[in-house]
């Protein structure tokens, strides 16, 4: 990821309804790592908007992969943001 892309992801981030608000970057994260986390959340949020009536029954592998990504993201959020995201 180049610095222009990193800056663009961070500047254009908007919290997604139903997702944790990651607007404030923890001090322990680099800009690059922070942008990667935001990118992952943006990706999952976009996929979440798609109708799951197709994915679940007809593409179980992709559904499972998205579920795994969401679980990884949640672990990352709790590691770096802790309980602050629950407020």
N, C-alpha and C. Protein backbone atom coordinates (compact mmCIF):
# COMPACT_ATOMS: atom_id res chain seq x y z
N UNK A 1 0.84 -1.17 0.00
CA UNK A 1 0.00 0.00 0.00
C UNK A 1 0.89 1.24 0.00
N UNK A 2 0.63 2.13 -0.90
CA UNK A 2 1.43 3.36 -1.00
C UNK A 2 0.81 4.44 -0.13
N UNK A 3 1.61 5.45 0.21
CA UNK A 3 1.15 6.48 1.14
C UNK A 3 -0.08 7.24 0.63
N UNK A 4 -0.18 7.42 -0.67
CA UNK A 4 -1.35 8.11 -1.23
C UNK A 4 -2.62 7.29 -0.97
N UNK A 5 -2.53 5.98 -1.17
CA UNK A 5 -3.66 5.09 -0.93
C UNK A 5 -4.00 5.04 0.57
N UNK A 6 -2.97 4.98 1.40
CA UNK A 6 -3.16 4.97 2.85
C UNK A 6 -3.91 6.22 3.29
N UNK A 7 -3.44 7.37 2.84
CA UNK A 7 -4.08 8.64 3.21
C UNK A 7 -5.52 8.70 2.72
N UNK A 8 -5.76 8.21 1.51
CA UNK A 8 -7.11 8.23 0.95
C UNK A 8 -8.07 7.38 1.77
N UNK A 9 -7.63 6.19 2.17
CA UNK A 9 -8.48 5.30 2.97
C UNK A 9 -8.82 5.95 4.30
N UNK A 10 -7.82 6.53 4.95
CA UNK A 10 -8.03 7.15 6.26
C UNK A 10 -8.92 8.38 6.14
N UNK A 11 -8.66 9.23 5.16
CA UNK A 11 -9.44 10.46 5.01
C UNK A 11 -10.89 10.20 4.63
N UNK A 12 -11.13 9.15 3.87
CA UNK A 12 -12.48 8.87 3.39
C UNK A 12 -13.27 7.91 4.27
N UNK A 13 -12.69 7.49 5.38
CA UNK A 13 -13.40 6.56 6.26
C UNK A 13 -14.60 7.22 6.90
N UNK A 14 -15.72 6.50 6.85
CA UNK A 14 -16.94 6.91 7.54
C UNK A 14 -17.44 5.66 8.26
N UNK A 15 -17.88 5.81 9.52
CA UNK A 15 -18.40 4.65 10.24
C UNK A 15 -19.60 4.03 9.50
N UNK A 16 -19.68 2.73 9.57
CA UNK A 16 -20.77 1.99 8.92
C UNK A 16 -21.83 1.63 9.96
N UNK A 17 -23.10 1.79 9.62
CA UNK A 17 -24.15 1.39 10.56
C UNK A 17 -24.02 -0.10 10.91
N UNK A 18 -24.07 -0.39 12.19
CA UNK A 18 -23.96 -1.78 12.64
C UNK A 18 -22.54 -2.26 12.84
N UNK A 19 -21.56 -1.40 12.57
CA UNK A 19 -20.15 -1.75 12.74
C UNK A 19 -19.53 -0.82 13.78
N UNK A 20 -18.41 -1.24 14.35
CA UNK A 20 -17.69 -0.40 15.30
C UNK A 20 -17.15 0.84 14.60
N UNK A 21 -17.18 1.97 15.30
CA UNK A 21 -16.64 3.22 14.78
C UNK A 21 -15.13 3.24 15.01
N UNK A 22 -14.37 3.21 13.95
CA UNK A 22 -12.91 3.16 14.04
C UNK A 22 -12.28 4.50 13.64
N UNK A 23 -13.02 5.58 13.84
CA UNK A 23 -12.57 6.90 13.41
C UNK A 23 -11.29 7.36 14.10
N UNK A 24 -11.11 6.97 15.35
CA UNK A 24 -9.91 7.39 16.07
C UNK A 24 -8.85 6.30 16.03
N UNK A 25 -7.69 6.67 15.51
CA UNK A 25 -6.57 5.72 15.38
C UNK A 25 -5.87 5.56 16.72
N UNK A 26 -5.72 4.32 17.20
CA UNK A 26 -4.92 4.11 18.40
C UNK A 26 -3.46 4.50 18.16
N UNK A 27 -2.82 5.02 19.18
CA UNK A 27 -1.43 5.50 19.04
C UNK A 27 -0.47 4.39 18.65
N UNK A 28 -0.78 3.16 19.03
CA UNK A 28 0.15 2.05 18.79
C UNK A 28 0.13 1.55 17.34
N UNK A 29 -0.81 2.03 16.53
CA UNK A 29 -0.90 1.59 15.13
C UNK A 29 -0.17 2.54 14.20
N UNK A 30 0.48 1.97 13.22
CA UNK A 30 1.06 2.80 12.16
C UNK A 30 -0.06 3.23 11.23
N UNK A 31 0.19 4.22 10.44
CA UNK A 31 -0.80 4.69 9.46
C UNK A 31 -1.17 3.55 8.51
N UNK A 32 -0.17 2.79 8.09
CA UNK A 32 -0.41 1.70 7.14
C UNK A 32 -1.30 0.62 7.76
N UNK A 33 -0.99 0.19 8.98
CA UNK A 33 -1.79 -0.85 9.64
C UNK A 33 -3.21 -0.34 9.88
N UNK A 34 -3.35 0.91 10.29
CA UNK A 34 -4.66 1.51 10.51
C UNK A 34 -5.47 1.51 9.21
N UNK A 35 -4.85 1.90 8.11
CA UNK A 35 -5.53 1.91 6.81
C UNK A 35 -5.94 0.50 6.40
N UNK A 36 -5.11 -0.49 6.67
CA UNK A 36 -5.45 -1.87 6.33
C UNK A 36 -6.69 -2.33 7.11
N UNK A 37 -6.77 -1.95 8.38
CA UNK A 37 -7.92 -2.32 9.20
C UNK A 37 -9.18 -1.63 8.68
N UNK A 38 -9.06 -0.34 8.37
CA UNK A 38 -10.22 0.38 7.82
C UNK A 38 -10.66 -0.22 6.49
N UNK A 39 -9.69 -0.58 5.65
CA UNK A 39 -9.99 -1.18 4.36
C UNK A 39 -10.75 -2.50 4.55
N UNK A 40 -10.30 -3.30 5.51
CA UNK A 40 -10.96 -4.57 5.79
C UNK A 40 -12.40 -4.35 6.25
N UNK A 41 -12.59 -3.38 7.15
CA UNK A 41 -13.95 -3.10 7.60
C UNK A 41 -14.81 -2.60 6.44
N UNK A 42 -14.27 -1.72 5.62
CA UNK A 42 -15.02 -1.22 4.46
C UNK A 42 -15.43 -2.37 3.53
N UNK A 43 -14.51 -3.28 3.31
CA UNK A 43 -14.79 -4.43 2.44
C UNK A 43 -15.92 -5.28 3.02
N UNK A 44 -15.81 -5.61 4.30
CA UNK A 44 -16.83 -6.44 4.94
C UNK A 44 -18.18 -5.72 4.95
N UNK A 45 -18.18 -4.42 5.20
CA UNK A 45 -19.42 -3.65 5.22
C UNK A 45 -20.08 -3.66 3.84
N UNK A 46 -19.28 -3.52 2.79
CA UNK A 46 -19.83 -3.56 1.43
C UNK A 46 -20.40 -4.94 1.10
N UNK A 47 -19.69 -5.97 1.49
CA UNK A 47 -20.18 -7.33 1.24
C UNK A 47 -21.45 -7.60 2.05
N UNK A 48 -21.53 -6.99 3.22
CA UNK A 48 -22.69 -7.16 4.09
C UNK A 48 -23.96 -6.56 3.46
N UNK A 49 -23.78 -5.54 2.62
CA UNK A 49 -24.92 -4.91 1.96
C UNK A 49 -25.53 -5.81 0.90
N UNK A 50 -24.73 -6.72 0.37
CA UNK A 50 -25.22 -7.62 -0.67
C UNK A 50 -26.18 -8.62 -0.05
N UNK A 51 -27.05 -9.12 -0.83
CA UNK A 51 -28.04 -10.07 -0.34
C UNK A 51 -27.37 -11.40 0.01
N UNK A 52 -27.55 -11.84 1.26
CA UNK A 52 -26.95 -13.10 1.68
C UNK A 52 -27.81 -14.31 1.31
N UNK A 53 -29.01 -14.06 0.75
CA UNK A 53 -29.85 -15.18 0.35
C UNK A 53 -29.18 -16.01 -0.74
N UNK A 54 -28.24 -15.40 -1.46
CA UNK A 54 -27.52 -16.15 -2.49
C UNK A 54 -26.28 -16.80 -1.91
N UNK A 55 -25.51 -16.06 -1.14
CA UNK A 55 -24.23 -16.58 -0.64
C UNK A 55 -24.39 -17.81 0.24
N UNK A 56 -25.28 -17.72 1.21
CA UNK A 56 -25.41 -18.84 2.16
C UNK A 56 -25.69 -20.17 1.48
N UNK A 57 -26.75 -20.27 0.69
CA UNK A 57 -27.04 -21.59 0.12
C UNK A 57 -26.21 -21.97 -1.11
N UNK A 58 -25.79 -20.98 -1.90
CA UNK A 58 -25.18 -21.30 -3.18
C UNK A 58 -23.66 -21.11 -3.23
N UNK A 59 -23.12 -20.39 -2.28
CA UNK A 59 -21.67 -20.21 -2.27
C UNK A 59 -21.19 -20.27 -0.82
N UNK A 60 -21.33 -21.42 -0.24
CA UNK A 60 -21.00 -21.63 1.18
C UNK A 60 -19.55 -21.28 1.47
N UNK A 61 -18.66 -21.60 0.55
CA UNK A 61 -17.23 -21.32 0.75
C UNK A 61 -16.99 -19.81 0.93
N UNK A 62 -17.58 -19.00 0.07
CA UNK A 62 -17.41 -17.55 0.17
C UNK A 62 -18.06 -17.01 1.44
N UNK A 63 -19.23 -17.54 1.78
CA UNK A 63 -19.90 -17.14 3.02
C UNK A 63 -19.02 -17.43 4.23
N UNK A 64 -18.41 -18.62 4.27
CA UNK A 64 -17.52 -19.00 5.37
C UNK A 64 -16.29 -18.10 5.42
N UNK A 65 -15.76 -17.77 4.27
CA UNK A 65 -14.57 -16.90 4.20
C UNK A 65 -14.90 -15.50 4.75
N UNK A 66 -16.04 -14.96 4.37
CA UNK A 66 -16.46 -13.65 4.88
C UNK A 66 -16.69 -13.70 6.39
N UNK A 67 -17.26 -14.79 6.86
CA UNK A 67 -17.47 -14.95 8.30
C UNK A 67 -16.14 -14.98 9.04
N UNK A 68 -15.16 -15.68 8.48
CA UNK A 68 -13.83 -15.74 9.09
C UNK A 68 -13.18 -14.36 9.11
N UNK A 69 -13.31 -13.61 8.01
CA UNK A 69 -12.75 -12.25 7.95
C UNK A 69 -13.39 -11.34 9.00
N UNK A 70 -14.69 -11.46 9.17
CA UNK A 70 -15.40 -10.66 10.17
C UNK A 70 -14.92 -11.00 11.58
N UNK A 71 -14.69 -12.27 11.84
CA UNK A 71 -14.19 -12.70 13.15
C UNK A 71 -12.78 -12.17 13.39
N UNK A 72 -11.94 -12.21 12.36
CA UNK A 72 -10.58 -11.67 12.47
C UNK A 72 -10.62 -10.17 12.75
N UNK A 73 -11.49 -9.47 12.03
CA UNK A 73 -11.61 -8.02 12.23
C UNK A 73 -12.04 -7.72 13.66
N UNK A 74 -12.98 -8.47 14.17
CA UNK A 74 -13.45 -8.23 15.54
C UNK A 74 -12.31 -8.43 16.54
N UNK A 75 -11.50 -9.44 16.35
CA UNK A 75 -10.35 -9.67 17.24
C UNK A 75 -9.36 -8.51 17.16
N UNK A 76 -9.11 -8.04 15.95
CA UNK A 76 -8.20 -6.90 15.76
C UNK A 76 -8.74 -5.67 16.46
N UNK A 77 -10.03 -5.41 16.32
CA UNK A 77 -10.65 -4.24 16.94
C UNK A 77 -10.53 -4.30 18.45
N UNK A 78 -10.83 -5.45 19.04
CA UNK A 78 -10.72 -5.56 20.50
C UNK A 78 -9.27 -5.46 20.96
N UNK A 79 -8.33 -5.93 20.14
CA UNK A 79 -6.91 -5.85 20.51
C UNK A 79 -6.44 -4.39 20.55
N UNK A 80 -6.82 -3.60 19.56
CA UNK A 80 -6.29 -2.24 19.45
C UNK A 80 -7.21 -1.16 20.04
N UNK A 81 -8.50 -1.36 19.99
CA UNK A 81 -9.43 -0.34 20.49
C UNK A 81 -10.00 -0.70 21.86
N UNK A 82 -9.93 -1.97 22.22
CA UNK A 82 -10.43 -2.42 23.51
C UNK A 82 -11.91 -2.09 23.72
N UNK A 83 -12.26 -1.80 24.94
CA UNK A 83 -13.65 -1.55 25.28
C UNK A 83 -14.14 -0.18 24.80
N UNK A 84 -13.25 0.65 24.31
CA UNK A 84 -13.66 1.99 23.87
C UNK A 84 -14.66 1.93 22.72
N UNK A 85 -14.67 0.86 21.93
CA UNK A 85 -15.61 0.75 20.82
C UNK A 85 -17.02 0.39 21.29
N UNK A 86 -17.14 -0.03 22.52
CA UNK A 86 -18.45 -0.43 23.04
C UNK A 86 -19.24 0.73 23.62
N UNK A 87 -18.62 1.88 23.72
CA UNK A 87 -19.28 3.04 24.32
C UNK A 87 -20.15 3.77 23.33
